[in-house]
Amino acid sequence: MARLRPCASISIAHPFRNSRGSSACIGNAASCPQPRKKHAVPASSRRRRASEEFGSIEPIVVEDPVKRTWTIIGVCDVPGSFKWYQSLLGQSETAPAHEDFGQIVDGDGTVLLCLHEWGAHEHPSLMSPDHAKPGNGLILFFRVDDIDRALPRARALVTRLEEEPHVNPNTGTREFSLRDPDGYYVTISSLSAP
């Protein structure tokens, strides 16, 4: 039985996925074992299986290429804006960690948005809203599980929506938009098409 050669650029501990969610080989595809399984396998099992299949070869661990961005916006009132975004996103009300900075986080700890008081900490682009209109060139775009539950929360926060609920022709998903207390343009979109 011919033994397959491991592809030197595959991460055993962190397999890469293509846009359809199946494994994708990076490097010389001819040397990569095919076909790939489409279900998740614990890293310890992948290492053990690789060791059994390829002998005593140590798996090559590639650092996870996915990085997260933290969008930080300048606001006049961190606690007030913090409460506003928690209400909009249907989160339990908590206080920000600091009077001049707070992070809106999802249930799994993912940072959704950071609120930074104008002028605190001397960050050049967060010194004053007087230098440019807040939100110029920025849309805060949130995707939610249940847009029908998000809509009444949003209506309770503003006197009018910037855009009433509609289907975005580009994404096929329902969305609406509003302005936050500092004037930032916020769009709420459903995760999937109706």
C-alpha atoms as a PDB file:
ATOM      1  CA  MET A   1       0.000   0.000   0.000  1.00  0.00           C
ATOM      2  CA  ALA A   2       1.430   3.365  -0.990  1.00  0.00           C
ATOM      3  CA  ARG A   3       1.881   5.812   1.849  1.00  0.00           C
ATOM      4  CA  LEU A   4       0.680   9.350   1.326  1.00  0.00           C
ATOM      5  CA  ARG A   5       3.141  12.146   1.892  1.00  0.00           C
ATOM      6  CA  PRO A   6       1.927  14.891   4.239  1.00  0.00           C
ATOM      7  CA  CYS A   7       1.538  18.312   2.734  1.00  0.00           C
ATOM      8  CA  ALA A   8       4.088  20.415   4.588  1.00  0.00           C
ATOM      9  CA  SER A   9       1.837  23.454   4.694  1.00  0.00           C
ATOM     10  CA  ILE A  10      -1.292  21.836   6.132  1.00  0.00           C
ATOM     11  CA  SER A  11      -2.060  22.624   9.723  1.00  0.00           C
ATOM     12  CA  ILE A  12      -3.014  19.434  11.505  1.00  0.00           C
ATOM     13  CA  ALA A  13      -4.068  21.321  14.614  1.00  0.00           C
ATOM     14  CA  HIS A  14      -5.961  24.032  12.714  1.00  0.00           C
ATOM     15  CA  PRO A  15      -7.176  22.816   9.309  1.00  0.00           C
ATOM     16  CA  PHE A  16      -7.979  25.599   6.880  1.00  0.00           C
ATOM     17  CA  ARG A  17     -11.486  25.807   5.481  1.00  0.00           C
ATOM     18  CA  ASN A  18     -12.628  27.187   2.176  1.00  0.00           C
ATOM     19  CA  SER A  19     -15.732  29.331   1.692  1.00  0.00           C
ATOM     20  CA  ARG A  20     -17.975  26.241   1.563  1.00  0.00           C
ATOM     21  CA  GLY A  21     -16.651  24.997   4.920  1.00  0.00           C
ATOM     22  CA  SER A  22     -14.705  22.019   3.524  1.00  0.00           C
ATOM     23  CA  SER A  23     -11.017  21.515   4.095  1.00  0.00           C
ATOM     24  CA  ALA A  24      -8.724  23.268   1.689  1.00  0.00           C
ATOM     25  CA  CYS A  25      -5.128  22.320   1.067  1.00  0.00           C
ATOM     26  CA  ILE A  26      -2.581  25.080   0.868  1.00  0.00           C
ATOM     27  CA  GLY A  27       0.582  24.248  -1.035  1.00  0.00           C
ATOM     28  CA  ASN A  28       1.152  21.316  -3.347  1.00  0.00           C
ATOM     29  CA  ALA A  29      -2.294  19.720  -3.663  1.00  0.00           C
ATOM     30  CA  ALA A  30      -0.836  16.601  -5.320  1.00  0.00           C
ATOM     31  CA  SER A  31       0.918  15.663  -2.082  1.00  0.00           C
ATOM     32  CA  CYS A  32      -2.101  16.285   0.138  1.00  0.00           C
ATOM     33  CA  PRO A  33      -4.223  13.350   1.284  1.00  0.00           C
ATOM     34  CA  GLN A  34      -7.628  13.445  -0.440  1.00  0.00           C
ATOM     35  CA  PRO A  35     -10.541  13.470   0.144  1.00  0.00           C
ATOM     36  CA  ARG A  36     -10.848  15.469   3.358  1.00  0.00           C
ATOM     37  CA  LYS A  37     -13.522  14.698   5.933  1.00  0.00           C
ATOM     38  CA  LYS A  38     -16.068  17.466   6.455  1.00  0.00           C
ATOM     39  CA  HIS A  39     -16.687  16.987  10.168  1.00  0.00           C
ATOM     40  CA  ALA A  40     -14.803  18.414  13.103  1.00  0.00           C
ATOM     41  CA  VAL A  41     -12.212  16.146  14.696  1.00  0.00           C
ATOM     42  CA  PRO A  42     -10.594  17.075  18.028  1.00  0.00           C
ATOM     43  CA  ALA A  43      -6.991  18.230  17.661  1.00  0.00           C
ATOM     44  CA  SER A  44      -5.693  15.333  19.800  1.00  0.00           C
ATOM     45  CA  SER A  45      -7.408  12.811  17.476  1.00  0.00           C
ATOM     46  CA  ARG A  46      -6.043  14.574  14.383  1.00  0.00           C
ATOM     47  CA  ARG A  47      -2.523  14.426  15.819  1.00  0.00           C
ATOM     48  CA  ARG A  48      -2.897  10.739  16.753  1.00  0.00           C
ATOM     49  CA  ARG A  49      -4.359   9.866  13.335  1.00  0.00           C
ATOM     50  CA  ALA A  50      -1.597  11.823  11.556  1.00  0.00           C
ATOM     51  CA  SER A  51       1.024  10.007  13.591  1.00  0.00           C
ATOM     52  CA  GLU A  52      -0.518   6.616  12.734  1.00  0.00           C
ATOM     53  CA  GLU A  53      -0.899   7.476   9.050  1.00  0.00           C
ATOM     54  CA  PHE A  54       2.457   9.157   8.476  1.00  0.00           C
ATOM     55  CA  GLY A  55       4.658   7.433  11.028  1.00  0.00           C
ATOM     56  CA  SER A  56       6.356   9.488  13.695  1.00  0.00           C
ATOM     57  CA  ILE A  57       6.007  12.770  11.819  1.00  0.00           C
ATOM     58  CA  GLU A  58       5.184  15.605  14.184  1.00  0.00           C
ATOM     59  CA  PRO A  59       2.218  17.661  12.979  1.00  0.00           C
ATOM     60  CA  ILE A  60       3.053  21.093  11.684  1.00  0.00           C
ATOM     61  CA  VAL A  61       1.093  23.641  13.644  1.00  0.00           C
ATOM     62  CA  VAL A  62       0.405  26.866  11.792  1.00  0.00           C
ATOM     63  CA  GLU A  63      -0.742  29.855  13.794  1.00  0.00           C
ATOM     64  CA  ASP A  64      -4.451  30.514  13.283  1.00  0.00           C
ATOM     65  CA  PRO A  65      -4.652  33.141  10.514  1.00  0.00           C
ATOM     66  CA  VAL A  66      -8.007  34.491  11.680  1.00  0.00           C
ATOM     67  CA  LYS A  67      -7.780  37.748  13.604  1.00  0.00           C
ATOM     68  CA  ARG A  68     -10.559  39.792  15.130  1.00  0.00           C
ATOM     69  CA  THR A  69     -10.988  43.511  14.778  1.00  0.00           C
ATOM     70  CA  TRP A  70     -12.178  45.697  17.593  1.00  0.00           C
ATOM     71  CA  THR A  71     -14.090  48.630  16.235  1.00  0.00           C
ATOM     72  CA  ILE A  72     -13.577  51.565  18.594  1.00  0.00           C
ATOM     73  CA  ILE A  73     -15.780  54.626  18.267  1.00  0.00           C
ATOM     74  CA  GLY A  74     -15.533  57.954  20.044  1.00  0.00           C
ATOM     75  CA  VAL A  75     -18.570  58.817  22.166  1.00  0.00           C
ATOM     76  CA  CYS A  76     -19.526  61.663  24.489  1.00  0.00           C
ATOM     77  CA  ASP A  77     -21.033  59.486  27.236  1.00  0.00           C
ATOM     78  CA  VAL A  78     -19.579  55.967  27.551  1.00  0.00           C
ATOM     79  CA  PRO A  79     -22.060  54.708  30.193  1.00  0.00           C
ATOM     80  CA  GLY A  80     -25.034  56.155  28.267  1.00  0.00           C
ATOM     81  CA  SER A  81     -23.886  54.741  24.915  1.00  0.00           C
ATOM     82  CA  PHE A  82     -23.055  51.440  26.597  1.00  0.00           C
ATOM     83  CA  LYS A  83     -26.623  51.154  27.876  1.00  0.00           C
ATOM     84  CA  TRP A  84     -28.002  52.197  24.458  1.00  0.00           C
ATOM     85  CA  TYR A  85     -26.098  49.480  22.566  1.00  0.00           C
ATOM     86  CA  GLN A  86     -26.932  46.819  25.151  1.00  0.00           C
ATOM     87  CA  SER A  87     -30.596  47.691  24.779  1.00  0.00           C
ATOM     88  CA  LEU A  88     -30.410  47.698  20.971  1.00  0.00           C
ATOM     89  CA  LEU A  89     -28.690  44.303  20.882  1.00  0.00           C
ATOM     90  CA  GLY A  90     -30.936  42.731  23.522  1.00  0.00           C
ATOM     91  CA  GLN A  91     -28.207  42.278  26.113  1.00  0.00           C
ATOM     92  CA  SER A  92     -28.483  42.362  29.882  1.00  0.00           C
ATOM     93  CA  GLU A  93     -27.647  45.767  31.286  1.00  0.00           C
ATOM     94  CA  THR A  94     -24.189  45.994  32.848  1.00  0.00           C
ATOM     95  CA  ALA A  95     -21.823  48.876  33.466  1.00  0.00           C
ATOM     96  CA  PRO A  96     -18.757  49.501  31.311  1.00  0.00           C
ATOM     97  CA  ALA A  97     -15.410  48.524  32.834  1.00  0.00           C
ATOM     98  CA  HIS A  98     -14.349  52.197  32.962  1.00  0.00           C
ATOM     99  CA  GLU A  99     -16.060  55.587  32.748  1.00  0.00           C
ATOM    100  CA  ASP A 100     -14.074  56.398  29.591  1.00  0.00           C
ATOM    101  CA  PHE A 101     -14.006  52.987  27.871  1.00  0.00           C
ATOM    102  CA  GLY A 102     -16.324  49.996  27.534  1.00  0.00           C
ATOM    103  CA  GLN A 103     -16.634  46.894  25.392  1.00  0.00           C
ATOM    104  CA  ILE A 104     -19.947  45.540  24.159  1.00  0.00           C
ATOM    105  CA  VAL A 105     -19.411  41.764  24.098  1.00  0.00           C
ATOM    106  CA  ASP A 106     -21.477  38.841  22.873  1.00  0.00           C
ATOM    107  CA  GLY A 107     -22.405  35.873  25.068  1.00  0.00           C
ATOM    108  CA  ASP A 108     -19.283  33.998  23.946  1.00  0.00           C
ATOM    109  CA  GLY A 109     -16.995  36.924  24.831  1.00  0.00           C
ATOM    110  CA  THR A 110     -16.568  38.223  21.272  1.00  0.00           C
ATOM    111  CA  VAL A 111     -16.066  41.981  21.309  1.00  0.00           C
ATOM    112  CA  LEU A 112     -18.772  43.544  19.134  1.00  0.00           C
ATOM    113  CA  LEU A 113     -17.940  47.214  19.697  1.00  0.00           C
ATOM    114  CA  CYS A 114     -15.705  49.371  21.876  1.00  0.00           C
ATOM    115  CA  LEU A 115     -16.867  52.748  23.156  1.00  0.00           C
ATOM    116  CA  HIS A 116     -14.179  55.313  23.926  1.00  0.00           C
ATOM    117  CA  GLU A 117     -14.719  58.731  25.453  1.00  0.00           C
ATOM    118  CA  TRP A 118     -13.674  61.566  23.178  1.00  0.00           C
ATOM    119  CA  GLY A 119     -10.335  63.018  24.306  1.00  0.00           C
ATOM    120  CA  ALA A 120      -9.425  60.286  26.799  1.00  0.00           C
ATOM    121  CA  HIS A 121      -5.988  58.667  26.425  1.00  0.00           C
ATOM    122  CA  GLU A 122      -4.869  61.050  23.661  1.00  0.00           C
ATOM    123  CA  HIS A 123      -5.557  58.762  20.692  1.00  0.00           C
ATOM    124  CA  PRO A 124      -5.160  61.043  17.648  1.00  0.00           C
ATOM    125  CA  SER A 125      -8.362  59.989  15.891  1.00  0.00           C
ATOM    126  CA  LEU A 126     -10.431  60.066  19.097  1.00  0.00           C
ATOM    127  CA  MET A 127      -9.466  63.506  20.377  1.00  0.00           C
ATOM    128  CA  SER A 128     -12.620  65.429  19.510  1.00  0.00           C
ATOM    129  CA  PRO A 129     -15.792  65.064  17.472  1.00  0.00           C
ATOM    130  CA  ASP A 130     -15.187  68.651  16.310  1.00  0.00           C
ATOM    131  CA  HIS A 131     -12.540  67.544  13.773  1.00  0.00           C
ATOM    132  CA  ALA A 132     -14.994  65.475  11.709  1.00  0.00           C
ATOM    133  CA  LYS A 133     -18.584  64.369  11.952  1.00  0.00           C
ATOM    134  CA  PRO A 134     -18.715  61.118  14.008  1.00  0.00           C
ATOM    135  CA  GLY A 135     -19.248  58.138  11.763  1.00  0.00           C
ATOM    136  CA  ASN A 136     -18.093  59.780   8.537  1.00  0.00           C
ATOM    137  CA  GLY A 137     -17.110  56.828   6.337  1.00  0.00           C
ATOM    138  CA  LEU A 138     -18.344  54.241   8.836  1.00  0.00           C
ATOM    139  CA  ILE A 139     -21.385  51.972   9.120  1.00  0.00           C
ATOM    140  CA  LEU A 140     -21.733  49.918  12.284  1.00  0.00           C
ATOM    141  CA  PHE A 141     -23.273  46.768  10.811  1.00  0.00           C
ATOM    142  CA  PHE A 142     -24.634  44.151  13.236  1.00  0.00           C
ATOM    143  CA  ARG A 143     -26.066  40.794  12.149  1.00  0.00           C
ATOM    144  CA  VAL A 144     -28.665  39.377  14.527  1.00  0.00           C
ATOM    145  CA  ASP A 145     -30.450  36.055  14.941  1.00  0.00           C
ATOM    146  CA  ASP A 146     -33.941  37.572  15.216  1.00  0.00           C
ATOM    147  CA  ILE A 147     -34.500  40.881  13.448  1.00  0.00           C
ATOM    148  CA  ASP A 148     -38.180  40.866  14.447  1.00  0.00           C
ATOM    149  CA  ARG A 149     -37.172  41.073  18.109  1.00  0.00           C
ATOM    150  CA  ALA A 150     -34.489  43.697  17.405  1.00  0.00           C
ATOM    151  CA  LEU A 151     -36.863  46.088  15.599  1.00  0.00           C
ATOM    152  CA  PRO A 152     -39.051  47.069  18.599  1.00  0.00           C
ATOM    153  CA  ARG A 153     -35.936  47.533  20.739  1.00  0.00           C
ATOM    154  CA  ALA A 154     -34.540  49.895  18.109  1.00  0.00           C
ATOM    155  CA  ARG A 155     -37.809  51.842  17.772  1.00  0.00           C
ATOM    156  CA  ALA A 156     -37.819  52.376  21.549  1.00  0.00           C
ATOM    157  CA  LEU A 157     -34.371  54.007  21.353  1.00  0.00           C
ATOM    158  CA  VAL A 158     -34.939  56.568  18.575  1.00  0.00           C
ATOM    159  CA  THR A 159     -37.679  58.884  17.369  1.00  0.00           C
ATOM    160  CA  ARG A 160     -37.304  57.613  13.794  1.00  0.00           C
ATOM    161  CA  LEU A 161     -35.344  55.008  11.866  1.00  0.00           C
ATOM    162  CA  GLU A 162     -32.948  56.158   9.156  1.00  0.00           C
ATOM    163  CA  GLU A 163     -34.129  53.260   6.980  1.00  0.00           C
ATOM    164  CA  GLU A 164     -37.271  51.264   7.618  1.00  0.00           C
ATOM    165  CA  PRO A 165     -37.049  47.461   7.451  1.00  0.00           C
ATOM    166  CA  HIS A 166     -36.450  46.250   3.910  1.00  0.00           C
ATOM    167  CA  VAL A 167     -34.710  43.453   2.045  1.00  0.00           C
ATOM    168  CA  ASN A 168     -31.193  44.379   0.970  1.00  0.00           C
ATOM    169  CA  PRO A 169     -31.034  43.387  -2.731  1.00  0.00           C
ATOM    170  CA  ASN A 170     -27.311  42.592  -2.445  1.00  0.00           C
ATOM    171  CA  THR A 171     -27.523  40.195   0.514  1.00  0.00           C
ATOM    172  CA  GLY A 172     -31.157  39.109   0.344  1.00  0.00           C
ATOM    173  CA  THR A 173     -31.453  39.749   4.085  1.00  0.00           C
ATOM    174  CA  ARG A 174     -33.822  42.037   5.961  1.00  0.00           C
ATOM    175  CA  GLU A 175     -32.286  45.078   7.582  1.00  0.00           C
ATOM    176  CA  PHE A 176     -33.020  48.513   9.031  1.00  0.00           C
ATOM    177  CA  SER A 177     -30.847  51.432  10.092  1.00  0.00           C
ATOM    178  CA  LEU A 178     -30.822  54.068  12.826  1.00  0.00           C
ATOM    179  CA  ARG A 179     -28.477  56.612  14.414  1.00  0.00           C
ATOM    180  CA  ASP A 180     -26.903  56.123  17.825  1.00  0.00           C
ATOM    181  CA  PRO A 181     -26.733  58.962  20.415  1.00  0.00           C
ATOM    182  CA  ASP A 182     -23.467  60.257  18.869  1.00  0.00           C
ATOM    183  CA  GLY A 183     -24.765  60.212  15.304  1.00  0.00           C
ATOM    184  CA  TYR A 184     -23.160  56.975  14.118  1.00  0.00           C
ATOM    185  CA  TYR A 185     -25.083  55.131  11.414  1.00  0.00           C
ATOM    186  CA  VAL A 186     -26.072  51.664  12.695  1.00  0.00           C
ATOM    187  CA  THR A 187     -27.522  48.907  10.523  1.00  0.00           C
ATOM    188  CA  ILE A 188     -29.175  45.817  11.978  1.00  0.00           C
ATOM    189  CA  SER A 189     -29.370  42.884   9.554  1.00  0.00           C
ATOM    190  CA  SER A 190     -30.754  39.375   9.837  1.00  0.00           C
ATOM    191  CA  LEU A 191     -28.255  36.538   9.639  1.00  0.00           C
ATOM    192  CA  SER A 192     -30.095  34.763   6.835  1.00  0.00           C
ATOM    193  CA  ALA A 193     -32.514  35.563   4.043  1.00  0.00           C
ATOM    194  CA  PRO A 194     -36.246  35.210   4.859  1.00  0.00           C
END
